Amino acid sequence: MQWNIDSERPVYIQLLEHIQANIISGNFKPGDKLPSVRDLAAEAGVNPNTMQRALTELERMELIYTNRTSGRYITSDIGVIKKLKERSAMNIIEEFLDKMKKIGFNEEEILELLTKALKEMRK
């Protein structure tokens, strides 16, 4: 798993987002056991306390849960994962639309370009 940590934003947020992306993309399957905090921290090159903070937030979001005797697991609740995936997609779409409007495109032009791009991708 490739970790790309930059200094622009809080590290724990980047860790959280990275793990979220792996969950919604299917790299982590529902019910999968996560590596230990220390192993994840070593892999990402961060302090274990920082990784713990990210995992605690993921637990609060109900994307992972802790089994006291055997570690942390990805939620088996497909609905929670689906909501996260949709919310992530909406964030990307909103950012895209905002950028397109800033460079002068209106809604009709954006839709035209998207339709054209989708047709090109199907070829």
N, C-alpha and C. Protein backbone atom coordinates (compact mmCIF):
# COMPACT_ATOMS: atom_id res chain seq x y z
N MET A 1 0.86 -1.17 0.00
CA MET A 1 0.00 0.00 0.00
C MET A 1 0.91 1.24 0.00
N GLN A 2 0.74 2.09 -1.00
CA GLN A 2 1.58 3.29 -1.15
C GLN A 2 1.02 4.44 -0.32
N TRP A 3 1.82 4.95 0.59
CA TRP A 3 1.43 6.09 1.44
C TRP A 3 2.14 7.32 0.93
N ASN A 4 1.40 8.35 0.58
CA ASN A 4 1.98 9.62 0.13
C ASN A 4 1.56 10.71 1.11
N ILE A 5 2.40 10.94 2.09
CA ILE A 5 2.12 11.92 3.13
C ILE A 5 2.83 13.22 2.78
N ASP A 6 2.07 14.33 2.80
CA ASP A 6 2.68 15.63 2.54
C ASP A 6 2.53 16.52 3.78
N SER A 7 3.19 17.65 3.74
CA SER A 7 3.18 18.53 4.91
C SER A 7 2.09 19.60 4.84
N GLU A 8 1.26 19.54 3.81
CA GLU A 8 0.23 20.55 3.61
C GLU A 8 -0.96 20.42 4.57
N ARG A 9 -1.26 19.19 4.98
CA ARG A 9 -2.44 18.95 5.81
C ARG A 9 -2.06 18.04 6.97
N PRO A 10 -2.89 17.99 8.01
CA PRO A 10 -2.57 17.13 9.15
C PRO A 10 -2.35 15.67 8.71
N VAL A 11 -1.33 15.06 9.25
CA VAL A 11 -0.95 13.70 8.86
C VAL A 11 -2.08 12.71 9.18
N TYR A 12 -2.70 12.82 10.34
CA TYR A 12 -3.72 11.84 10.70
C TYR A 12 -4.90 11.88 9.73
N ILE A 13 -5.21 13.08 9.19
CA ILE A 13 -6.29 13.21 8.20
C ILE A 13 -5.89 12.47 6.92
N GLN A 14 -4.65 12.62 6.51
CA GLN A 14 -4.17 11.93 5.31
C GLN A 14 -4.19 10.41 5.50
N LEU A 15 -3.82 9.95 6.69
CA LEU A 15 -3.87 8.52 6.99
C LEU A 15 -5.30 8.01 6.93
N LEU A 16 -6.20 8.75 7.56
CA LEU A 16 -7.62 8.41 7.58
C LEU A 16 -8.14 8.32 6.15
N GLU A 17 -7.84 9.33 5.33
CA GLU A 17 -8.32 9.34 3.94
C GLU A 17 -7.74 8.19 3.13
N HIS A 18 -6.49 7.85 3.40
CA HIS A 18 -5.85 6.74 2.68
C HIS A 18 -6.54 5.42 3.01
N ILE A 19 -6.83 5.21 4.27
CA ILE A 19 -7.50 3.97 4.67
C ILE A 19 -8.93 3.96 4.13
N GLN A 20 -9.62 5.10 4.20
CA GLN A 20 -10.97 5.21 3.62
C GLN A 20 -10.94 4.84 2.14
N ALA A 21 -9.99 5.38 1.40
CA ALA A 21 -9.89 5.10 -0.03
C ALA A 21 -9.68 3.61 -0.28
N ASN A 22 -8.90 2.97 0.56
CA ASN A 22 -8.67 1.53 0.41
C ASN A 22 -9.92 0.73 0.74
N ILE A 23 -10.75 1.25 1.63
CA ILE A 23 -12.01 0.57 1.97
C ILE A 23 -12.99 0.71 0.81
N ILE A 24 -13.20 1.93 0.31
CA ILE A 24 -14.22 2.12 -0.73
C ILE A 24 -13.78 1.56 -2.08
N SER A 25 -12.49 1.43 -2.30
CA SER A 25 -12.01 0.87 -3.57
C SER A 25 -12.01 -0.66 -3.54
N GLY A 26 -12.20 -1.23 -2.35
CA GLY A 26 -12.22 -2.69 -2.25
C GLY A 26 -10.88 -3.32 -1.94
N ASN A 27 -9.83 -2.50 -1.77
CA ASN A 27 -8.54 -3.06 -1.38
C ASN A 27 -8.63 -3.70 0.01
N PHE A 28 -9.42 -3.08 0.89
CA PHE A 28 -9.79 -3.69 2.16
C PHE A 28 -11.23 -4.14 2.00
N LYS A 29 -11.47 -5.40 2.17
CA LYS A 29 -12.82 -5.96 2.02
C LYS A 29 -13.58 -5.88 3.34
N PRO A 30 -14.91 -5.80 3.28
CA PRO A 30 -15.70 -5.84 4.52
C PRO A 30 -15.32 -7.07 5.35
N GLY A 31 -15.05 -6.83 6.62
CA GLY A 31 -14.68 -7.92 7.53
C GLY A 31 -13.20 -8.23 7.58
N ASP A 32 -12.39 -7.61 6.70
CA ASP A 32 -10.94 -7.85 6.72
C ASP A 32 -10.33 -7.36 8.03
N LYS A 33 -9.32 -8.06 8.48
CA LYS A 33 -8.56 -7.64 9.65
C LYS A 33 -7.49 -6.65 9.20
N LEU A 34 -7.39 -5.54 9.92
CA LEU A 34 -6.35 -4.56 9.64
C LEU A 34 -5.04 -4.97 10.31
N PRO A 35 -3.91 -4.57 9.73
CA PRO A 35 -2.64 -4.77 10.43
C PRO A 35 -2.66 -3.99 11.74
N SER A 36 -1.73 -4.31 12.62
CA SER A 36 -1.66 -3.61 13.91
C SER A 36 -1.30 -2.14 13.71
N VAL A 37 -1.56 -1.34 14.74
CA VAL A 37 -1.22 0.08 14.69
C VAL A 37 0.25 0.25 14.38
N ARG A 38 1.10 -0.50 15.06
CA ARG A 38 2.54 -0.37 14.85
C ARG A 38 2.94 -0.75 13.43
N ASP A 39 2.34 -1.82 12.90
CA ASP A 39 2.66 -2.23 11.53
C ASP A 39 2.21 -1.18 10.51
N LEU A 40 0.99 -0.67 10.68
CA LEU A 40 0.50 0.38 9.77
C LEU A 40 1.36 1.63 9.87
N ALA A 41 1.71 2.01 11.10
CA ALA A 41 2.54 3.21 11.30
C ALA A 41 3.91 3.03 10.64
N ALA A 42 4.51 1.87 10.82
CA ALA A 42 5.82 1.61 10.22
C ALA A 42 5.73 1.65 8.69
N GLU A 43 4.68 1.06 8.15
CA GLU A 43 4.48 1.05 6.70
C GLU A 43 4.31 2.46 6.15
N ALA A 44 3.57 3.31 6.89
CA ALA A 44 3.32 4.68 6.45
C ALA A 44 4.47 5.62 6.81
N GLY A 45 5.35 5.19 7.70
CA GLY A 45 6.46 6.04 8.13
C GLY A 45 6.03 7.15 9.07
N VAL A 46 5.06 6.84 9.94
CA VAL A 46 4.55 7.83 10.89
C VAL A 46 4.62 7.29 12.31
N ASN A 47 4.41 8.17 13.25
CA ASN A 47 4.38 7.80 14.66
C ASN A 47 3.14 6.94 14.94
N PRO A 48 3.27 5.87 15.73
CA PRO A 48 2.10 5.04 16.06
C PRO A 48 0.95 5.83 16.69
N ASN A 49 1.26 6.87 17.47
CA ASN A 49 0.20 7.68 18.07
C ASN A 49 -0.64 8.40 17.00
N THR A 50 0.03 8.82 15.93
CA THR A 50 -0.68 9.48 14.83
C THR A 50 -1.59 8.49 14.11
N MET A 51 -1.08 7.28 13.89
CA MET A 51 -1.89 6.24 13.26
C MET A 51 -3.07 5.88 14.16
N GLN A 52 -2.82 5.80 15.46
CA GLN A 52 -3.89 5.50 16.41
C GLN A 52 -4.99 6.54 16.33
N ARG A 53 -4.61 7.79 16.20
CA ARG A 53 -5.61 8.86 16.10
C ARG A 53 -6.48 8.68 14.85
N ALA A 54 -5.87 8.32 13.73
CA ALA A 54 -6.63 8.09 12.49
C ALA A 54 -7.57 6.90 12.66
N LEU A 55 -7.09 5.83 13.26
CA LEU A 55 -7.92 4.64 13.45
C LEU A 55 -9.07 4.91 14.42
N THR A 56 -8.81 5.70 15.44
CA THR A 56 -9.87 6.07 16.38
C THR A 56 -10.98 6.83 15.67
N GLU A 57 -10.59 7.73 14.77
CA GLU A 57 -11.58 8.48 14.00
C GLU A 57 -12.37 7.56 13.07
N LEU A 58 -11.68 6.59 12.45
CA LEU A 58 -12.37 5.63 11.59
C LEU A 58 -13.36 4.78 12.39
N GLU A 59 -13.01 4.47 13.63
CA GLU A 59 -13.95 3.75 14.51
C GLU A 59 -15.15 4.61 14.83
N ARG A 60 -14.92 5.88 15.09
CA ARG A 60 -16.01 6.80 15.38
C ARG A 60 -16.97 6.88 14.19
N MET A 61 -16.40 6.79 12.98
CA MET A 61 -17.20 6.83 11.76
C MET A 61 -17.85 5.49 11.44
N GLU A 62 -17.55 4.50 12.26
CA GLU A 62 -18.08 3.13 12.12
C GLU A 62 -17.59 2.41 10.86
N LEU A 63 -16.42 2.80 10.36
CA LEU A 63 -15.83 2.12 9.22
C LEU A 63 -14.98 0.94 9.65
N ILE A 64 -14.46 1.03 10.86
CA ILE A 64 -13.74 -0.10 11.44
C ILE A 64 -14.24 -0.31 12.86
N TYR A 65 -13.96 -1.48 13.39
CA TYR A 65 -14.32 -1.76 14.78
C TYR A 65 -13.21 -2.59 15.41
N THR A 66 -13.14 -2.54 16.71
CA THR A 66 -12.12 -3.27 17.45
C THR A 66 -12.73 -4.47 18.14
N ASN A 67 -12.09 -5.60 17.95
CA ASN A 67 -12.41 -6.80 18.72
C ASN A 67 -11.28 -6.90 19.73
N ARG A 68 -11.60 -6.71 20.98
CA ARG A 68 -10.57 -6.58 22.03
C ARG A 68 -9.54 -7.71 22.04
N THR A 69 -9.93 -8.87 21.60
CA THR A 69 -9.01 -10.00 21.67
C THR A 69 -8.24 -10.26 20.38
N SER A 70 -8.72 -9.69 19.26
CA SER A 70 -8.05 -10.06 18.01
C SER A 70 -7.71 -8.90 17.07
N GLY A 71 -7.96 -7.66 17.46
CA GLY A 71 -7.55 -6.53 16.62
C GLY A 71 -8.69 -5.75 16.00
N ARG A 72 -8.32 -5.00 14.97
CA ARG A 72 -9.29 -4.13 14.28
C ARG A 72 -9.71 -4.74 12.95
N TYR A 73 -10.98 -4.51 12.62
CA TYR A 73 -11.55 -5.07 11.40
C TYR A 73 -12.32 -4.00 10.64
N ILE A 74 -12.41 -4.19 9.32
CA ILE A 74 -13.24 -3.34 8.48
C ILE A 74 -14.69 -3.72 8.74
N THR A 75 -15.57 -2.73 8.78
CA THR A 75 -16.98 -3.01 9.01
C THR A 75 -17.52 -3.98 7.97
N SER A 76 -18.47 -4.78 8.36
CA SER A 76 -19.15 -5.66 7.42
C SER A 76 -20.43 -5.02 6.90
N ASP A 77 -20.73 -3.81 7.40
CA ASP A 77 -21.94 -3.09 7.00
C ASP A 77 -21.70 -2.43 5.64
N ILE A 78 -22.19 -3.07 4.59
CA ILE A 78 -22.01 -2.58 3.23
C ILE A 78 -22.64 -1.19 3.06
N GLY A 79 -23.73 -0.93 3.77
CA GLY A 79 -24.41 0.36 3.68
C GLY A 79 -23.51 1.50 4.12
N VAL A 80 -22.74 1.31 5.18
CA VAL A 80 -21.81 2.34 5.66
C VAL A 80 -20.75 2.61 4.60
N ILE A 81 -20.24 1.55 4.01
CA ILE A 81 -19.20 1.69 2.98
C ILE A 81 -19.78 2.38 1.74
N LYS A 82 -20.99 2.00 1.36
CA LYS A 82 -21.63 2.61 0.19
C LYS A 82 -21.86 4.11 0.41
N LYS A 83 -22.31 4.50 1.61
CA LYS A 83 -22.51 5.92 1.90
C LYS A 83 -21.20 6.68 1.81
N LEU A 84 -20.12 6.11 2.33
CA LEU A 84 -18.81 6.75 2.26
C LEU A 84 -18.38 6.91 0.80
N LYS A 85 -18.59 5.87 0.01
CA LYS A 85 -18.21 5.92 -1.40
C LYS A 85 -18.98 7.01 -2.13
N GLU A 86 -20.28 7.10 -1.89
CA GLU A 86 -21.11 8.14 -2.51
C GLU A 86 -20.70 9.53 -2.06
N ARG A 87 -20.42 9.68 -0.76
CA ARG A 87 -20.00 10.98 -0.23
C ARG A 87 -18.66 11.39 -0.84
N SER A 88 -17.74 10.44 -1.00
CA SER A 88 -16.45 10.73 -1.61
C SER A 88 -16.62 11.15 -3.07
N ALA A 89 -17.50 10.45 -3.78
CA ALA A 89 -17.76 10.79 -5.18
C ALA A 89 -18.37 12.19 -5.28
N MET A 90 -19.31 12.51 -4.41
CA MET A 90 -19.93 13.84 -4.43
C MET A 90 -18.90 14.94 -4.16
N ASN A 91 -17.97 14.69 -3.25
CA ASN A 91 -16.91 15.67 -2.97
C ASN A 91 -16.06 15.93 -4.22
N ILE A 92 -15.73 14.85 -4.93
CA ILE A 92 -14.92 14.98 -6.14
C ILE A 92 -15.71 15.74 -7.21
N ILE A 93 -16.98 15.41 -7.36
CA ILE A 93 -17.83 16.07 -8.35
C ILE A 93 -17.98 17.55 -8.03
N GLU A 94 -18.22 17.88 -6.77
CA GLU A 94 -18.38 19.29 -6.38
C GLU A 94 -17.10 20.08 -6.64
N GLU A 95 -15.97 19.47 -6.34
CA GLU A 95 -14.68 20.13 -6.59
C GLU A 95 -14.48 20.35 -8.09
N PHE A 96 -14.80 19.33 -8.89
CA PHE A 96 -14.70 19.43 -10.34
C PHE A 96 -15.59 20.55 -10.87
N LEU A 97 -16.85 20.56 -10.45
CA LEU A 97 -17.79 21.57 -10.93
C LEU A 97 -17.34 22.98 -10.54
N ASP A 98 -16.84 23.12 -9.33
CA ASP A 98 -16.35 24.42 -8.88
C ASP A 98 -15.19 24.89 -9.76
N LYS A 99 -14.26 24.00 -10.07
CA LYS A 99 -13.12 24.36 -10.90
C LYS A 99 -13.55 24.71 -12.32
N MET A 100 -14.51 23.94 -12.86
CA MET A 100 -14.99 24.22 -14.21
C MET A 100 -15.68 25.58 -14.28
N LYS A 101 -16.46 25.91 -13.25
CA LYS A 101 -17.14 27.21 -13.24
C LYS A 101 -16.13 28.34 -13.11
N LYS A 102 -15.06 28.11 -12.35
CA LYS A 102 -14.02 29.14 -12.17
C LYS A 102 -13.29 29.45 -13.47
N ILE A 103 -13.21 28.45 -14.37
CA ILE A 103 -12.53 28.72 -15.64
C ILE A 103 -13.52 29.10 -16.75
N GLY A 104 -14.78 29.35 -16.35
CA GLY A 104 -15.71 29.95 -17.27
C GLY A 104 -16.75 29.06 -17.93
N PHE A 105 -16.87 27.81 -17.53
CA PHE A 105 -17.87 26.94 -18.12
C PHE A 105 -19.19 27.04 -17.37
N ASN A 106 -20.30 27.02 -18.14
CA ASN A 106 -21.61 26.97 -17.50
C ASN A 106 -22.05 25.50 -17.40
N GLU A 107 -23.19 25.26 -16.79
CA GLU A 107 -23.65 23.89 -16.55
C GLU A 107 -23.86 23.10 -17.84
N GLU A 108 -24.43 23.74 -18.85
CA GLU A 108 -24.66 23.05 -20.13
C GLU A 108 -23.34 22.65 -20.78
N GLU A 109 -22.37 23.54 -20.75
CA GLU A 109 -21.07 23.25 -21.35
C GLU A 109 -20.36 22.13 -20.60
N ILE A 110 -20.48 22.14 -19.29
CA ILE A 110 -19.86 21.09 -18.47
C ILE A 110 -20.49 19.74 -18.82
N LEU A 111 -21.81 19.71 -18.91
CA LEU A 111 -22.51 18.47 -19.24
C LEU A 111 -22.11 17.98 -20.63
N GLU A 112 -21.99 18.90 -21.58
CA GLU A 112 -21.55 18.54 -22.94
C GLU A 112 -20.17 17.89 -22.91
N LEU A 113 -19.25 18.53 -22.18
CA LEU A 113 -17.88 18.00 -22.09
C LEU A 113 -17.85 16.64 -21.41
N LEU A 114 -18.64 16.48 -20.36
CA LEU A 114 -18.69 15.19 -19.67
C LEU A 114 -19.23 14.10 -20.58
N THR A 115 -20.29 14.42 -21.31
CA THR A 115 -20.87 13.45 -22.24
C THR A 115 -19.85 13.05 -23.30
N LYS A 116 -19.13 14.04 -23.83
CA LYS A 116 -18.10 13.77 -24.82
C LYS A 116 -16.99 12.88 -24.24
N ALA A 117 -16.56 13.20 -23.03
CA ALA A 117 -15.50 12.42 -22.38
C ALA A 117 -15.94 10.98 -22.12
N LEU A 118 -17.19 10.80 -21.70
CA LEU A 118 -17.69 9.45 -21.46
C LEU A 118 -17.75 8.64 -22.74
N LYS A 119 -18.16 9.28 -23.84
CA LYS A 119 -18.20 8.59 -25.14
C LYS A 119 -16.80 8.18 -25.55
N GLU A 120 -15.83 9.06 -25.33
CA GLU A 120 -14.44 8.76 -25.68
C GLU A 120 -13.90 7.59 -24.86
N MET A 121 -14.29 7.53 -23.61
CA MET A 121 -13.82 6.45 -22.73
C MET A 121 -14.36 5.09 -23.16
N ARG A 122 -15.54 5.07 -23.75
CA ARG A 122 -16.17 3.81 -24.16
C ARG A 122 -15.50 3.20 -25.39
N LYS A 123 -14.77 4.01 -26.12
CA LYS A 123 -14.13 3.52 -27.36
C LYS A 123 -13.01 2.56 -27.07
